[in-house]
Amino acid sequence: MTALGRPAAPVASPFDLEGQKRFEAEFEKAVAKYPAERRKSALLAALHAAQDILGWLPEVAMEYVGYRLDVPPVRVREVATFYTMYRLRPTGRHHIEICNSISCWAMGSEKLFRRCEEKLGIRRGEKTNDGRFSLGEVACLASCGTAPAVLVDNYRYVEEMTPEKIDKLIEDLG
């Protein structure tokens, strides 16, 4: 767990050589969007870059991002735990998140969970034994008019999802 009040200190990179190159490119692109005195504003983008490379955000990745932006580790962790888009545990290669808001629930999100659980043999918060899939729920995907909604791998947004469509989605990702 991240200690309170500890300043950002040198931390070893959590990336392999290729991952480090990818991180550097994404990091520099994110930081360049802000004036030098506001470089800490690149925190969300830097966390996304780390997660995209590693598949999730282990503590060492959060500490490394904090070090690179001169943000205390506890602040980085506060941000990473606030937003549901950051994964704090390893997930499957394909991470399927189903919206559980009232609109999505009323339009059948529970049927989607049941179908995924049956088809993948896992429950919410778990990943398949082969590591190909994980299943989660998200508080709201802002899709009330086209509910239920599903988020795949943090970037692919699918609306008006049905059990039949989720079968096809899983098959296509497989």
C-alpha atoms as a PDB file:
ATOM      1  CA  MET A   1       0.000   0.000   0.000  1.00  0.00           C
ATOM      2  CA  THR A   2       1.135   3.524  -0.720  1.00  0.00           C
ATOM      3  CA  ALA A   3       2.395   5.460   2.314  1.00  0.00           C
ATOM      4  CA  LEU A   4       0.803   8.807   3.125  1.00  0.00           C
ATOM      5  CA  GLY A   5       2.833  11.968   2.784  1.00  0.00           C
ATOM      6  CA  ARG A   6       5.727  10.346   1.002  1.00  0.00           C
ATOM      7  CA  PRO A   7       7.094  12.564  -1.793  1.00  0.00           C
ATOM      8  CA  ALA A   8       7.645  11.211  -5.278  1.00  0.00           C
ATOM      9  CA  ALA A   9      11.043   9.522  -5.150  1.00  0.00           C
ATOM     10  CA  PRO A  10      13.072   7.651  -7.749  1.00  0.00           C
ATOM     11  CA  VAL A  11      11.357   4.398  -8.628  1.00  0.00           C
ATOM     12  CA  ALA A  12      12.451   1.652 -10.998  1.00  0.00           C
ATOM     13  CA  SER A  13      10.476   1.422 -14.203  1.00  0.00           C
ATOM     14  CA  PRO A  14       7.855  -1.338 -14.247  1.00  0.00           C
ATOM     15  CA  PHE A  15       8.234  -1.757 -18.028  1.00  0.00           C
ATOM     16  CA  ASP A  16      10.394  -3.994 -20.152  1.00  0.00           C
ATOM     17  CA  LEU A  17      12.529  -2.301 -22.824  1.00  0.00           C
ATOM     18  CA  GLU A  18       9.801  -2.214 -25.489  1.00  0.00           C
ATOM     19  CA  GLY A  19       7.183  -1.123 -22.924  1.00  0.00           C
ATOM     20  CA  GLN A  20       9.482   1.650 -21.724  1.00  0.00           C
ATOM     21  CA  LYS A  21       9.808   2.984 -25.269  1.00  0.00           C
ATOM     22  CA  ARG A  22       6.031   2.958 -25.672  1.00  0.00           C
ATOM     23  CA  PHE A  23       5.551   4.630 -22.299  1.00  0.00           C
ATOM     24  CA  GLU A  24       8.099   7.342 -23.076  1.00  0.00           C
ATOM     25  CA  ALA A  25       6.374   8.199 -26.352  1.00  0.00           C
ATOM     26  CA  GLU A  26       2.916   8.361 -24.753  1.00  0.00           C
ATOM     27  CA  PHE A  27       4.216  10.195 -21.710  1.00  0.00           C
ATOM     28  CA  GLU A  28       5.958  12.875 -23.769  1.00  0.00           C
ATOM     29  CA  LYS A  29       2.867  13.305 -25.933  1.00  0.00           C
ATOM     30  CA  ALA A  30       0.686  13.750 -22.828  1.00  0.00           C
ATOM     31  CA  VAL A  31       3.054  16.164 -21.064  1.00  0.00           C
ATOM     32  CA  ALA A  32       3.455  18.260 -24.235  1.00  0.00           C
ATOM     33  CA  LYS A  33      -0.239  19.177 -24.080  1.00  0.00           C
ATOM     34  CA  TYR A  34       0.313  21.284 -20.950  1.00  0.00           C
ATOM     35  CA  PRO A  35       2.528  24.239 -20.034  1.00  0.00           C
ATOM     36  CA  ALA A  36       5.651  23.179 -18.128  1.00  0.00           C
ATOM     37  CA  GLU A  37       4.240  24.454 -14.827  1.00  0.00           C
ATOM     38  CA  ARG A  38       1.118  22.288 -15.367  1.00  0.00           C
ATOM     39  CA  ARG A  39       2.799  19.022 -16.388  1.00  0.00           C
ATOM     40  CA  LYS A  40       1.130  17.242 -13.445  1.00  0.00           C
ATOM     41  CA  SER A  41      -2.096  17.622 -15.410  1.00  0.00           C
ATOM     42  CA  ALA A  42      -0.890  14.752 -17.604  1.00  0.00           C
ATOM     43  CA  LEU A  43      -1.544  12.307 -14.756  1.00  0.00           C
ATOM     44  CA  LEU A  44      -4.665  10.679 -16.228  1.00  0.00           C
ATOM     45  CA  ALA A  45      -3.047  10.203 -19.631  1.00  0.00           C
ATOM     46  CA  ALA A  46       0.148   8.830 -18.088  1.00  0.00           C
ATOM     47  CA  LEU A  47      -1.851   6.338 -16.022  1.00  0.00           C
ATOM     48  CA  HIS A  48      -3.698   5.263 -19.170  1.00  0.00           C
ATOM     49  CA  ALA A  49      -0.392   4.753 -20.963  1.00  0.00           C
ATOM     50  CA  ALA A  50       0.948   2.599 -18.128  1.00  0.00           C
ATOM     51  CA  GLN A  51      -2.263   0.568 -17.965  1.00  0.00           C
ATOM     52  CA  ASP A  52      -2.348   0.059 -21.734  1.00  0.00           C
ATOM     53  CA  ILE A  53       1.177  -1.360 -21.638  1.00  0.00           C
ATOM     54  CA  LEU A  54       0.876  -3.472 -18.480  1.00  0.00           C
ATOM     55  CA  GLY A  55      -2.809  -4.384 -18.709  1.00  0.00           C
ATOM     56  CA  TRP A  56      -3.461  -2.975 -15.224  1.00  0.00           C
ATOM     57  CA  LEU A  57      -1.953  -0.520 -12.714  1.00  0.00           C
ATOM     58  CA  PRO A  58       0.213  -2.220 -10.099  1.00  0.00           C
ATOM     59  CA  GLU A  59       1.510  -0.052  -7.244  1.00  0.00           C
ATOM     60  CA  VAL A  60       4.958   0.185  -8.821  1.00  0.00           C
ATOM     61  CA  ALA A  61       3.444   1.627 -12.018  1.00  0.00           C
ATOM     62  CA  MET A  62       1.498   4.231 -10.056  1.00  0.00           C
ATOM     63  CA  GLU A  63       4.638   5.160  -8.118  1.00  0.00           C
ATOM     64  CA  TYR A  64       6.651   5.391 -11.333  1.00  0.00           C
ATOM     65  CA  VAL A  65       4.086   7.697 -12.971  1.00  0.00           C
ATOM     66  CA  GLY A  66       4.082   9.824  -9.810  1.00  0.00           C
ATOM     67  CA  TYR A  67       7.868  10.019  -9.844  1.00  0.00           C
ATOM     68  CA  ARG A  68       7.904  11.065 -13.499  1.00  0.00           C
ATOM     69  CA  LEU A  69       5.348  13.831 -12.850  1.00  0.00           C
ATOM     70  CA  ASP A  70       6.596  14.783  -9.365  1.00  0.00           C
ATOM     71  CA  VAL A  71       3.266  13.779  -7.828  1.00  0.00           C
ATOM     72  CA  PRO A  72       3.297  12.025  -4.436  1.00  0.00           C
ATOM     73  CA  PRO A  73       2.377   8.335  -4.748  1.00  0.00           C
ATOM     74  CA  VAL A  74      -0.635   8.723  -2.472  1.00  0.00           C
ATOM     75  CA  ARG A  75      -2.098  11.370  -4.820  1.00  0.00           C
ATOM     76  CA  VAL A  76      -1.591   9.080  -7.805  1.00  0.00           C
ATOM     77  CA  ARG A  77      -3.325   6.255  -5.945  1.00  0.00           C
ATOM     78  CA  GLU A  78      -6.219   8.570  -5.007  1.00  0.00           C
ATOM     79  CA  VAL A  79      -6.778   9.326  -8.682  1.00  0.00           C
ATOM     80  CA  ALA A  80      -6.391   5.707  -9.800  1.00  0.00           C
ATOM     81  CA  THR A  81      -8.861   4.453  -7.187  1.00  0.00           C
ATOM     82  CA  PHE A  82     -11.399   7.205  -7.872  1.00  0.00           C
ATOM     83  CA  TYR A  83     -11.914   6.424 -11.546  1.00  0.00           C
ATOM     84  CA  THR A  84     -13.345   3.061 -12.562  1.00  0.00           C
ATOM     85  CA  MET A  85     -11.427   3.149 -15.853  1.00  0.00           C
ATOM     86  CA  TYR A  86      -8.240   2.169 -14.041  1.00  0.00           C
ATOM     87  CA  ARG A  87      -7.787  -1.505 -13.252  1.00  0.00           C
ATOM     88  CA  LEU A  88      -6.061  -2.153  -9.939  1.00  0.00           C
ATOM     89  CA  ARG A  89      -5.911  -5.938 -10.378  1.00  0.00           C
ATOM     90  CA  PRO A  90      -4.728  -8.008 -13.321  1.00  0.00           C
ATOM     91  CA  THR A  91      -7.498  -8.595 -15.824  1.00  0.00           C
ATOM     92  CA  GLY A  92      -7.924 -10.852 -18.803  1.00  0.00           C
ATOM     93  CA  ARG A  93      -6.544  -9.941 -22.201  1.00  0.00           C
ATOM     94  CA  HIS A  94     -10.098  -8.792 -22.969  1.00  0.00           C
ATOM     95  CA  HIS A  95     -11.889  -7.024 -20.137  1.00  0.00           C
ATOM     96  CA  ILE A  96     -15.664  -6.792 -20.493  1.00  0.00           C
ATOM     97  CA  GLU A  97     -17.456  -4.297 -18.240  1.00  0.00           C
ATOM     98  CA  ILE A  98     -21.231  -4.108 -18.112  1.00  0.00           C
ATOM     99  CA  CYS A  99     -22.995  -0.969 -16.938  1.00  0.00           C
ATOM    100  CA  ASN A 100     -25.049  -1.448 -13.770  1.00  0.00           C
ATOM    101  CA  SER A 101     -26.847   1.909 -13.726  1.00  0.00           C
ATOM    102  CA  ILE A 102     -30.601   1.953 -13.221  1.00  0.00           C
ATOM    103  CA  SER A 103     -31.288   2.431 -16.955  1.00  0.00           C
ATOM    104  CA  CYS A 104     -29.009  -0.414 -17.996  1.00  0.00           C
ATOM    105  CA  TRP A 105     -30.413  -2.630 -15.249  1.00  0.00           C
ATOM    106  CA  ALA A 106     -33.991  -1.882 -16.362  1.00  0.00           C
ATOM    107  CA  MET A 107     -33.019  -2.706 -19.946  1.00  0.00           C
ATOM    108  CA  GLY A 108     -31.423  -6.055 -19.148  1.00  0.00           C
ATOM    109  CA  SER A 109     -27.867  -5.717 -17.885  1.00  0.00           C
ATOM    110  CA  GLU A 110     -28.430  -8.601 -15.440  1.00  0.00           C
ATOM    111  CA  LYS A 111     -29.213 -10.863 -18.423  1.00  0.00           C
ATOM    112  CA  LEU A 112     -25.892  -9.830 -19.918  1.00  0.00           C
ATOM    113  CA  PHE A 113     -24.057 -10.701 -16.715  1.00  0.00           C
ATOM    114  CA  ARG A 114     -25.765 -14.111 -16.584  1.00  0.00           C
ATOM    115  CA  ARG A 115     -24.897 -14.803 -20.227  1.00  0.00           C
ATOM    116  CA  CYS A 116     -21.246 -13.821 -19.721  1.00  0.00           C
ATOM    117  CA  GLU A 117     -21.022 -15.868 -16.542  1.00  0.00           C
ATOM    118  CA  GLU A 118     -22.465 -18.919 -18.337  1.00  0.00           C
ATOM    119  CA  LYS A 119     -20.414 -18.516 -21.499  1.00  0.00           C
ATOM    120  CA  LEU A 120     -17.087 -17.661 -19.840  1.00  0.00           C
ATOM    121  CA  GLY A 121     -17.466 -19.699 -16.642  1.00  0.00           C
ATOM    122  CA  ILE A 122     -16.569 -16.730 -14.444  1.00  0.00           C
ATOM    123  CA  ARG A 123     -18.345 -14.248 -12.220  1.00  0.00           C
ATOM    124  CA  ARG A 124     -17.963 -10.490 -11.880  1.00  0.00           C
ATOM    125  CA  GLY A 125     -14.463  -9.575 -10.786  1.00  0.00           C
ATOM    126  CA  GLU A 126     -12.935 -12.804 -12.093  1.00  0.00           C
ATOM    127  CA  LYS A 127     -10.932 -13.820 -15.126  1.00  0.00           C
ATOM    128  CA  THR A 128     -10.930 -17.034 -17.124  1.00  0.00           C
ATOM    129  CA  ASN A 129      -8.317 -19.678 -16.341  1.00  0.00           C
ATOM    130  CA  ASP A 130      -6.639 -19.098 -19.699  1.00  0.00           C
ATOM    131  CA  GLY A 131      -6.434 -15.333 -18.980  1.00  0.00           C
ATOM    132  CA  ARG A 132      -8.324 -14.401 -22.153  1.00  0.00           C
ATOM    133  CA  PHE A 133     -11.348 -12.736 -20.520  1.00  0.00           C
ATOM    134  CA  SER A 134     -12.351 -10.944 -17.355  1.00  0.00           C
ATOM    135  CA  LEU A 135     -15.740  -9.591 -16.363  1.00  0.00           C
ATOM    136  CA  GLY A 136     -16.551  -6.483 -14.391  1.00  0.00           C
ATOM    137  CA  GLU A 137     -19.261  -3.960 -13.780  1.00  0.00           C
ATOM    138  CA  VAL A 138     -19.085  -0.224 -14.193  1.00  0.00           C
ATOM    139  CA  ALA A 139     -21.240   2.345 -12.416  1.00  0.00           C
ATOM    140  CA  CYS A 140     -22.433   4.282 -15.467  1.00  0.00           C
ATOM    141  CA  LEU A 141     -21.516   4.515 -19.123  1.00  0.00           C
ATOM    142  CA  ALA A 142     -23.841   7.476 -19.818  1.00  0.00           C
ATOM    143  CA  SER A 143     -25.931   5.497 -22.269  1.00  0.00           C
ATOM    144  CA  CYS A 144     -29.386   5.716 -20.736  1.00  0.00           C
ATOM    145  CA  GLY A 145     -31.114   6.142 -24.105  1.00  0.00           C
ATOM    146  CA  THR A 146     -29.329   3.175 -25.667  1.00  0.00           C
ATOM    147  CA  ALA A 147     -29.033   0.893 -22.653  1.00  0.00           C
ATOM    148  CA  PRO A 148     -27.674  -1.561 -21.785  1.00  0.00           C
ATOM    149  CA  ALA A 149     -24.104  -0.571 -22.526  1.00  0.00           C
ATOM    150  CA  VAL A 150     -20.842  -2.488 -22.390  1.00  0.00           C
ATOM    151  CA  LEU A 151     -17.238  -1.278 -22.329  1.00  0.00           C
ATOM    152  CA  VAL A 152     -14.598  -3.590 -23.818  1.00  0.00           C
ATOM    153  CA  ASP A 153     -10.894  -3.201 -23.084  1.00  0.00           C
ATOM    154  CA  ASN A 154     -11.451   0.318 -21.729  1.00  0.00           C
ATOM    155  CA  TYR A 155     -11.940   1.864 -25.183  1.00  0.00           C
ATOM    156  CA  ARG A 156     -14.596   0.028 -27.182  1.00  0.00           C
ATOM    157  CA  TYR A 157     -18.094   1.192 -26.297  1.00  0.00           C
ATOM    158  CA  VAL A 158     -21.084  -0.977 -27.300  1.00  0.00           C
ATOM    159  CA  GLU A 159     -24.694   0.124 -26.829  1.00  0.00           C
ATOM    160  CA  GLU A 160     -28.068  -1.620 -27.115  1.00  0.00           C
ATOM    161  CA  MET A 161     -26.398  -4.862 -26.065  1.00  0.00           C
ATOM    162  CA  THR A 162     -28.396  -8.094 -25.953  1.00  0.00           C
ATOM    163  CA  PRO A 163     -27.434 -11.589 -24.804  1.00  0.00           C
ATOM    164  CA  GLU A 164     -27.144 -12.611 -28.473  1.00  0.00           C
ATOM    165  CA  LYS A 165     -24.910  -9.647 -29.251  1.00  0.00           C
ATOM    166  CA  ILE A 166     -22.697 -10.385 -26.261  1.00  0.00           C
ATOM    167  CA  ASP A 167     -22.296 -13.962 -27.520  1.00  0.00           C
ATOM    168  CA  LYS A 168     -21.072 -12.571 -30.850  1.00  0.00           C
ATOM    169  CA  LEU A 169     -18.792 -10.064 -29.113  1.00  0.00           C
ATOM    170  CA  ILE A 170     -17.146 -12.806 -27.051  1.00  0.00           C
ATOM    171  CA  GLU A 171     -16.789 -14.989 -30.146  1.00  0.00           C
ATOM    172  CA  ASP A 172     -15.167 -12.138 -32.106  1.00  0.00           C
ATOM    173  CA  LEU A 173     -12.761 -11.326 -29.252  1.00  0.00           C
ATOM    174  CA  GLY A 174     -11.964 -15.002 -28.633  1.00  0.00           C
END
